[in-house]
């Protein structure tokens, strides 16, 4: 997490941490309103994102 926050800052971007307990429509709204283009997601919380990713039109979803 520290490395990601440092890299985001060094790139001139803004990190928007989201509580891991948020799911569903609230998660979708937070992602959409943040105007995020990239997400870093822990494996344990990926299932919550999978449920709303089709509604997050500002994201370009890629798997690594």
PDB file of N, CA and C in Angstrom:
ATOM      1  N   UNK A   1       0.823  -1.193   0.000  1.00  0.00           N
ATOM      2  CA  UNK A   1       0.000   0.000   0.000  1.00  0.00           C
ATOM      3  C   UNK A   1       0.862   1.250   0.000  1.00  0.00           C
ATOM      4  N   UNK A   2       1.907   1.264   0.797  1.00  0.00           N
ATOM      5  CA  UNK A   2       2.780   2.437   0.869  1.00  0.00           C
ATOM      6  C   UNK A   2       3.411   2.708  -0.491  1.00  0.00           C
ATOM      7  N   UNK A   3       3.850   1.660  -1.161  1.00  0.00           N
ATOM      8  CA  UNK A   3       4.476   1.824  -2.468  1.00  0.00           C
ATOM      9  C   UNK A   3       3.496   2.390  -3.484  1.00  0.00           C
ATOM     10  N   UNK A   4       2.274   1.913  -3.438  1.00  0.00           N
ATOM     11  CA  UNK A   4       1.255   2.397  -4.373  1.00  0.00           C
ATOM     12  C   UNK A   4       0.961   3.867  -4.114  1.00  0.00           C
ATOM     13  N   UNK A   5       0.774   4.253  -2.857  1.00  0.00           N
ATOM     14  CA  UNK A   5       0.489   5.654  -2.538  1.00  0.00           C
ATOM     15  C   UNK A   5       1.642   6.561  -2.959  1.00  0.00           C
ATOM     16  N   UNK A   6       2.879   6.110  -2.756  1.00  0.00           N
ATOM     17  CA  UNK A   6       4.030   6.897  -3.166  1.00  0.00           C
ATOM     18  C   UNK A   6       4.074   7.032  -4.689  1.00  0.00           C
ATOM     19  N   UNK A   7       3.854   5.955  -5.404  1.00  0.00           N
ATOM     20  CA  UNK A   7       3.887   5.986  -6.872  1.00  0.00           C
ATOM     21  C   UNK A   7       2.796   6.878  -7.439  1.00  0.00           C
ATOM     22  N   UNK A   8       1.615   6.813  -6.859  1.00  0.00           N
ATOM     23  CA  UNK A   8       0.509   7.662  -7.308  1.00  0.00           C
ATOM     24  C   UNK A   8       0.874   9.132  -7.120  1.00  0.00           C
ATOM     25  N   UNK A   9       1.423   9.460  -5.966  1.00  0.00           N
ATOM     26  CA  UNK A   9       1.831  10.832  -5.678  1.00  0.00           C
ATOM     27  C   UNK A   9       2.953  11.281  -6.612  1.00  0.00           C
ATOM     28  N   UNK A  10       3.935  10.422  -6.838  1.00  0.00           N
ATOM     29  CA  UNK A  10       5.051  10.759  -7.721  1.00  0.00           C
ATOM     30  C   UNK A  10       4.584  10.978  -9.153  1.00  0.00           C
ATOM     31  N   UNK A  11       3.516  10.315  -9.547  1.00  0.00           N
ATOM     32  CA  UNK A  11       2.970  10.470 -10.895  1.00  0.00           C
ATOM     33  C   UNK A  11       2.112  11.721 -11.018  1.00  0.00           C
ATOM     34  N   UNK A  12       1.883  12.402  -9.902  1.00  0.00           N
ATOM     35  CA  UNK A  12       1.066  13.615  -9.936  1.00  0.00           C
ATOM     36  C   UNK A  12      -0.421  13.337  -9.876  1.00  0.00           C
ATOM     37  N   UNK A  13      -0.778  12.119  -9.533  1.00  0.00           N
ATOM     38  CA  UNK A  13      -2.195  11.753  -9.434  1.00  0.00           C
ATOM     39  C   UNK A  13      -2.646  11.853  -7.979  1.00  0.00           C
ATOM     40  N   UNK A  14      -3.905  11.595  -7.756  1.00  0.00           N
ATOM     41  CA  UNK A  14      -4.482  11.675  -6.418  1.00  0.00           C
ATOM     42  C   UNK A  14      -5.045  10.307  -6.047  1.00  0.00           C
ATOM     43  N   UNK A  15      -4.667   9.804  -4.883  1.00  0.00           N
ATOM     44  CA  UNK A  15      -5.195   8.534  -4.388  1.00  0.00           C
ATOM     45  C   UNK A  15      -6.525   8.775  -3.686  1.00  0.00           C
ATOM     46  N   UNK A  16      -7.454   7.872  -3.909  1.00  0.00           N
ATOM     47  CA  UNK A  16      -8.768   7.941  -3.268  1.00  0.00           C
ATOM     48  C   UNK A  16      -9.016   6.612  -2.567  1.00  0.00           C
ATOM     49  N   UNK A  17      -8.513   6.454  -1.351  1.00  0.00           N
ATOM     50  CA  UNK A  17      -8.732   5.197  -0.631  1.00  0.00           C
ATOM     51  C   UNK A  17     -10.213   4.992  -0.315  1.00  0.00           C
ATOM     52  N   UNK A  18     -10.682   3.770  -0.503  1.00  0.00           N
ATOM     53  CA  UNK A  18     -12.081   3.436  -0.228  1.00  0.00           C
ATOM     54  C   UNK A  18     -12.103   2.309   0.796  1.00  0.00           C
ATOM     55  N   UNK A  19     -12.940   2.428   1.773  1.00  0.00           N
ATOM     56  CA  UNK A  19     -13.078   1.427   2.830  1.00  0.00           C
ATOM     57  C   UNK A  19     -13.404   0.068   2.210  1.00  0.00           C
ATOM     58  N   UNK A  20     -12.686  -0.955   2.623  1.00  0.00           N
ATOM     59  CA  UNK A  20     -12.862  -2.298   2.064  1.00  0.00           C
ATOM     60  C   UNK A  20     -14.224  -2.917   2.380  1.00  0.00           C
ATOM     61  N   UNK A  21     -14.948  -2.352   3.337  1.00  0.00           N
ATOM     62  CA  UNK A  21     -16.248  -2.914   3.723  1.00  0.00           C
ATOM     63  C   UNK A  21     -17.399  -2.391   2.859  1.00  0.00           C
ATOM     64  N   UNK A  22     -17.137  -1.397   2.027  1.00  0.00           N
ATOM     65  CA  UNK A  22     -18.192  -0.816   1.185  1.00  0.00           C
ATOM     66  C   UNK A  22     -18.425  -1.710  -0.019  1.00  0.00           C
ATOM     67  N   UNK A  23     -19.687  -1.970  -0.307  1.00  0.00           N
ATOM     68  CA  UNK A  23     -20.052  -2.838  -1.430  1.00  0.00           C
ATOM     69  C   UNK A  23     -21.262  -2.272  -2.155  1.00  0.00           C
ATOM     70  N   UNK A  24     -21.627  -2.906  -3.249  1.00  0.00           N
ATOM     71  CA  UNK A  24     -22.856  -2.615  -3.966  1.00  0.00           C
ATOM     72  C   UNK A  24     -22.924  -1.223  -4.557  1.00  0.00           C
ATOM     73  N   UNK A  25     -24.118  -0.649  -4.505  1.00  0.00           N
ATOM     74  CA  UNK A  25     -24.376   0.646  -5.126  1.00  0.00           C
ATOM     75  C   UNK A  25     -23.519   1.759  -4.523  1.00  0.00           C
ATOM     76  N   UNK A  26     -23.227   1.672  -3.229  1.00  0.00           N
ATOM     77  CA  UNK A  26     -22.385   2.682  -2.595  1.00  0.00           C
ATOM     78  C   UNK A  26     -20.980   2.642  -3.177  1.00  0.00           C
ATOM     79  N   UNK A  27     -20.432   1.457  -3.374  1.00  0.00           N
ATOM     80  CA  UNK A  27     -19.113   1.310  -3.982  1.00  0.00           C
ATOM     81  C   UNK A  27     -19.125   1.847  -5.406  1.00  0.00           C
ATOM     82  N   UNK A  28     -20.136   1.505  -6.152  1.00  0.00           N
ATOM     83  CA  UNK A  28     -20.273   1.983  -7.526  1.00  0.00           C
ATOM     84  C   UNK A  28     -20.307   3.504  -7.570  1.00  0.00           C
ATOM     85  N   UNK A  29     -21.067   4.124  -6.682  1.00  0.00           N
ATOM     86  CA  UNK A  29     -21.182   5.586  -6.640  1.00  0.00           C
ATOM     87  C   UNK A  29     -19.849   6.231  -6.283  1.00  0.00           C
ATOM     88  N   UNK A  30     -19.152   5.681  -5.300  1.00  0.00           N
ATOM     89  CA  UNK A  30     -17.855   6.232  -4.907  1.00  0.00           C
ATOM     90  C   UNK A  30     -16.844   6.158  -6.049  1.00  0.00           C
ATOM     91  N   UNK A  31     -16.790   5.035  -6.729  1.00  0.00           N
ATOM     92  CA  UNK A  31     -15.857   4.893  -7.852  1.00  0.00           C
ATOM     93  C   UNK A  31     -16.217   5.864  -8.957  1.00  0.00           C
ATOM     94  N   UNK A  32     -17.493   5.952  -9.288  1.00  0.00           N
ATOM     95  CA  UNK A  32     -17.933   6.842 -10.364  1.00  0.00           C
ATOM     96  C   UNK A  32     -17.662   8.308 -10.014  1.00  0.00           C
ATOM     97  N   UNK A  33     -17.979   8.711  -8.811  1.00  0.00           N
ATOM     98  CA  UNK A  33     -17.811  10.113  -8.413  1.00  0.00           C
ATOM     99  C   UNK A  33     -16.348  10.500  -8.217  1.00  0.00           C
ATOM    100  N   UNK A  34     -15.480   9.533  -8.031  1.00  0.00           N
ATOM    101  CA  UNK A  34     -14.056   9.846  -7.855  1.00  0.00           C
ATOM    102  C   UNK A  34     -13.394  10.172  -9.191  1.00  0.00           C
ATOM    103  N   UNK A  35     -14.053   9.862 -10.297  1.00  0.00           N
ATOM    104  CA  UNK A  35     -13.511  10.065 -11.641  1.00  0.00           C
ATOM    105  C   UNK A  35     -12.221   9.270 -11.830  1.00  0.00           C
ATOM    106  N   UNK A  36     -12.131   8.122 -11.159  1.00  0.00           N
ATOM    107  CA  UNK A  36     -10.938   7.273 -11.232  1.00  0.00           C
ATOM    108  C   UNK A  36     -10.824   6.627 -12.609  1.00  0.00           C
ATOM    109  N   UNK A  37      -9.593   6.438 -13.025  1.00  0.00           N
ATOM    110  CA  UNK A  37      -9.325   5.728 -14.272  1.00  0.00           C
ATOM    111  C   UNK A  37      -8.617   4.403 -14.021  1.00  0.00           C
ATOM    112  N   UNK A  38      -7.992   4.278 -12.851  1.00  0.00           N
ATOM    113  CA  UNK A  38      -7.267   3.064 -12.474  1.00  0.00           C
ATOM    114  C   UNK A  38      -7.618   2.693 -11.044  1.00  0.00           C
ATOM    115  N   UNK A  39      -7.643   1.393 -10.779  1.00  0.00           N
ATOM    116  CA  UNK A  39      -7.896   0.908  -9.422  1.00  0.00           C
ATOM    117  C   UNK A  39      -6.823  -0.105  -9.034  1.00  0.00           C
ATOM    118  N   UNK A  40      -6.445  -0.064  -7.787  1.00  0.00           N
ATOM    119  CA  UNK A  40      -5.603  -1.097  -7.199  1.00  0.00           C
ATOM    120  C   UNK A  40      -6.479  -1.810  -6.184  1.00  0.00           C
ATOM    121  N   UNK A  41      -6.716  -3.108  -6.409  1.00  0.00           N
ATOM    122  CA  UNK A  41      -7.673  -3.844  -5.594  1.00  0.00           C
ATOM    123  C   UNK A  41      -6.984  -5.065  -4.992  1.00  0.00           C
ATOM    124  N   UNK A  42      -7.163  -5.256  -3.697  1.00  0.00           N
ATOM    125  CA  UNK A  42      -6.641  -6.452  -3.045  1.00  0.00           C
ATOM    126  C   UNK A  42      -7.478  -7.649  -3.475  1.00  0.00           C
ATOM    127  N   UNK A  43      -6.855  -8.802  -3.535  1.00  0.00           N
ATOM    128  CA  UNK A  43      -7.540 -10.022  -3.967  1.00  0.00           C
ATOM    129  C   UNK A  43      -8.762 -10.328  -3.110  1.00  0.00           C
ATOM    130  N   UNK A  44      -8.678 -10.032  -1.822  1.00  0.00           N
ATOM    131  CA  UNK A  44      -9.786 -10.329  -0.909  1.00  0.00           C
ATOM    132  C   UNK A  44     -11.029  -9.485  -1.190  1.00  0.00           C
ATOM    133  N   UNK A  45     -10.871  -8.323  -1.807  1.00  0.00           N
ATOM    134  CA  UNK A  45     -12.013  -7.435  -2.058  1.00  0.00           C
ATOM    135  C   UNK A  45     -12.408  -7.396  -3.530  1.00  0.00           C
ATOM    136  N   UNK A  46     -11.772  -8.203  -4.337  1.00  0.00           N
ATOM    137  CA  UNK A  46     -12.054  -8.201  -5.770  1.00  0.00           C
ATOM    138  C   UNK A  46     -13.496  -8.592  -6.079  1.00  0.00           C
ATOM    139  N   UNK A  47     -14.069  -9.495  -5.324  1.00  0.00           N
ATOM    140  CA  UNK A  47     -15.440  -9.941  -5.606  1.00  0.00           C
ATOM    141  C   UNK A  47     -16.445  -8.799  -5.475  1.00  0.00           C
ATOM    142  N   UNK A  48     -16.240  -7.883  -4.539  1.00  0.00           N
ATOM    143  CA  UNK A  48     -17.149  -6.738  -4.389  1.00  0.00           C
ATOM    144  C   UNK A  48     -17.075  -5.843  -5.620  1.00  0.00           C
ATOM    145  N   UNK A  49     -15.873  -5.657  -6.170  1.00  0.00           N
ATOM    146  CA  UNK A  49     -15.723  -4.839  -7.371  1.00  0.00           C
ATOM    147  C   UNK A  49     -16.302  -5.538  -8.595  1.00  0.00           C
ATOM    148  N   UNK A  50     -16.128  -6.840  -8.695  1.00  0.00           N
ATOM    149  CA  UNK A  50     -16.644  -7.604  -9.837  1.00  0.00           C
ATOM    150  C   UNK A  50     -18.145  -7.393 -10.017  1.00  0.00           C
ATOM    151  N   UNK A  51     -18.861  -7.211  -8.905  1.00  0.00           N
ATOM    152  CA  UNK A  51     -20.317  -7.042  -8.954  1.00  0.00           C
ATOM    153  C   UNK A  51     -20.734  -5.696  -9.534  1.00  0.00           C
ATOM    154  N   UNK A  52     -19.875  -4.684  -9.481  1.00  0.00           N
ATOM    155  CA  UNK A  52     -20.264  -3.342  -9.927  1.00  0.00           C
ATOM    156  C   UNK A  52     -19.447  -2.829 -11.108  1.00  0.00           C
ATOM    157  N   UNK A  53     -18.455  -3.571 -11.574  1.00  0.00           N
ATOM    158  CA  UNK A  53     -17.548  -3.038 -12.587  1.00  0.00           C
ATOM    159  C   UNK A  53     -18.227  -2.703 -13.910  1.00  0.00           C
ATOM    160  N   UNK A  54     -19.304  -3.371 -14.250  1.00  0.00           N
ATOM    161  CA  UNK A  54     -19.985  -3.064 -15.512  1.00  0.00           C
ATOM    162  C   UNK A  54     -20.650  -1.696 -15.486  1.00  0.00           C
ATOM    163  N   UNK A  55     -20.870  -1.148 -14.299  1.00  0.00           N
ATOM    164  CA  UNK A  55     -21.498   0.162 -14.168  1.00  0.00           C
ATOM    165  C   UNK A  55     -20.487   1.289 -14.004  1.00  0.00           C
ATOM    166  N   UNK A  56     -19.207   0.960 -13.969  1.00  0.00           N
ATOM    167  CA  UNK A  56     -18.141   1.960 -13.806  1.00  0.00           C
ATOM    168  C   UNK A  56     -17.563   2.288 -15.178  1.00  0.00           C
ATOM    169  N   UNK A  57     -18.220   3.179 -15.900  1.00  0.00           N
ATOM    170  CA  UNK A  57     -17.887   3.441 -17.292  1.00  0.00           C
ATOM    171  C   UNK A  57     -16.595   4.242 -17.475  1.00  0.00           C
ATOM    172  N   UNK A  58     -16.129   4.941 -16.442  1.00  0.00           N
ATOM    173  CA  UNK A  58     -14.920   5.730 -16.590  1.00  0.00           C
ATOM    174  C   UNK A  58     -13.649   4.910 -16.415  1.00  0.00           C
ATOM    175  N   UNK A  59     -13.791   3.630 -16.080  1.00  0.00           N
ATOM    176  CA  UNK A  59     -12.630   2.769 -15.866  1.00  0.00           C
ATOM    177  C   UNK A  59     -12.312   1.947 -17.095  1.00  0.00           C
ATOM    178  N   UNK A  60     -11.046   1.755 -17.315  1.00  0.00           N
ATOM    179  CA  UNK A  60     -10.583   0.816 -18.309  1.00  0.00           C
ATOM    180  C   UNK A  60     -10.083  -0.400 -17.544  1.00  0.00           C
ATOM    181  N   UNK A  61     -10.833  -1.488 -17.565  1.00  0.00           N
ATOM    182  CA  UNK A  61     -10.540  -2.646 -16.738  1.00  0.00           C
ATOM    183  C   UNK A  61      -9.581  -3.587 -17.445  1.00  0.00           C
ATOM    184  N   UNK A  62      -8.452  -3.852 -16.786  1.00  0.00           N
ATOM    185  CA  UNK A  62      -7.448  -4.781 -17.301  1.00  0.00           C
ATOM    186  C   UNK A  62      -7.055  -5.723 -16.173  1.00  0.00           C
ATOM    187  N   UNK A  63      -6.846  -6.958 -16.490  1.00  0.00           N
ATOM    188  CA  UNK A  63      -6.382  -7.933 -15.506  1.00  0.00           C
ATOM    189  C   UNK A  63      -4.900  -8.184 -15.692  1.00  0.00           C
ATOM    190  N   UNK A  64      -4.213  -8.375 -14.594  1.00  0.00           N
ATOM    191  CA  UNK A  64      -2.777  -8.670 -14.660  1.00  0.00           C
ATOM    192  C   UNK A  64      -2.531 -10.042 -14.078  1.00  0.00           C
TER     193      UNK A  64
END
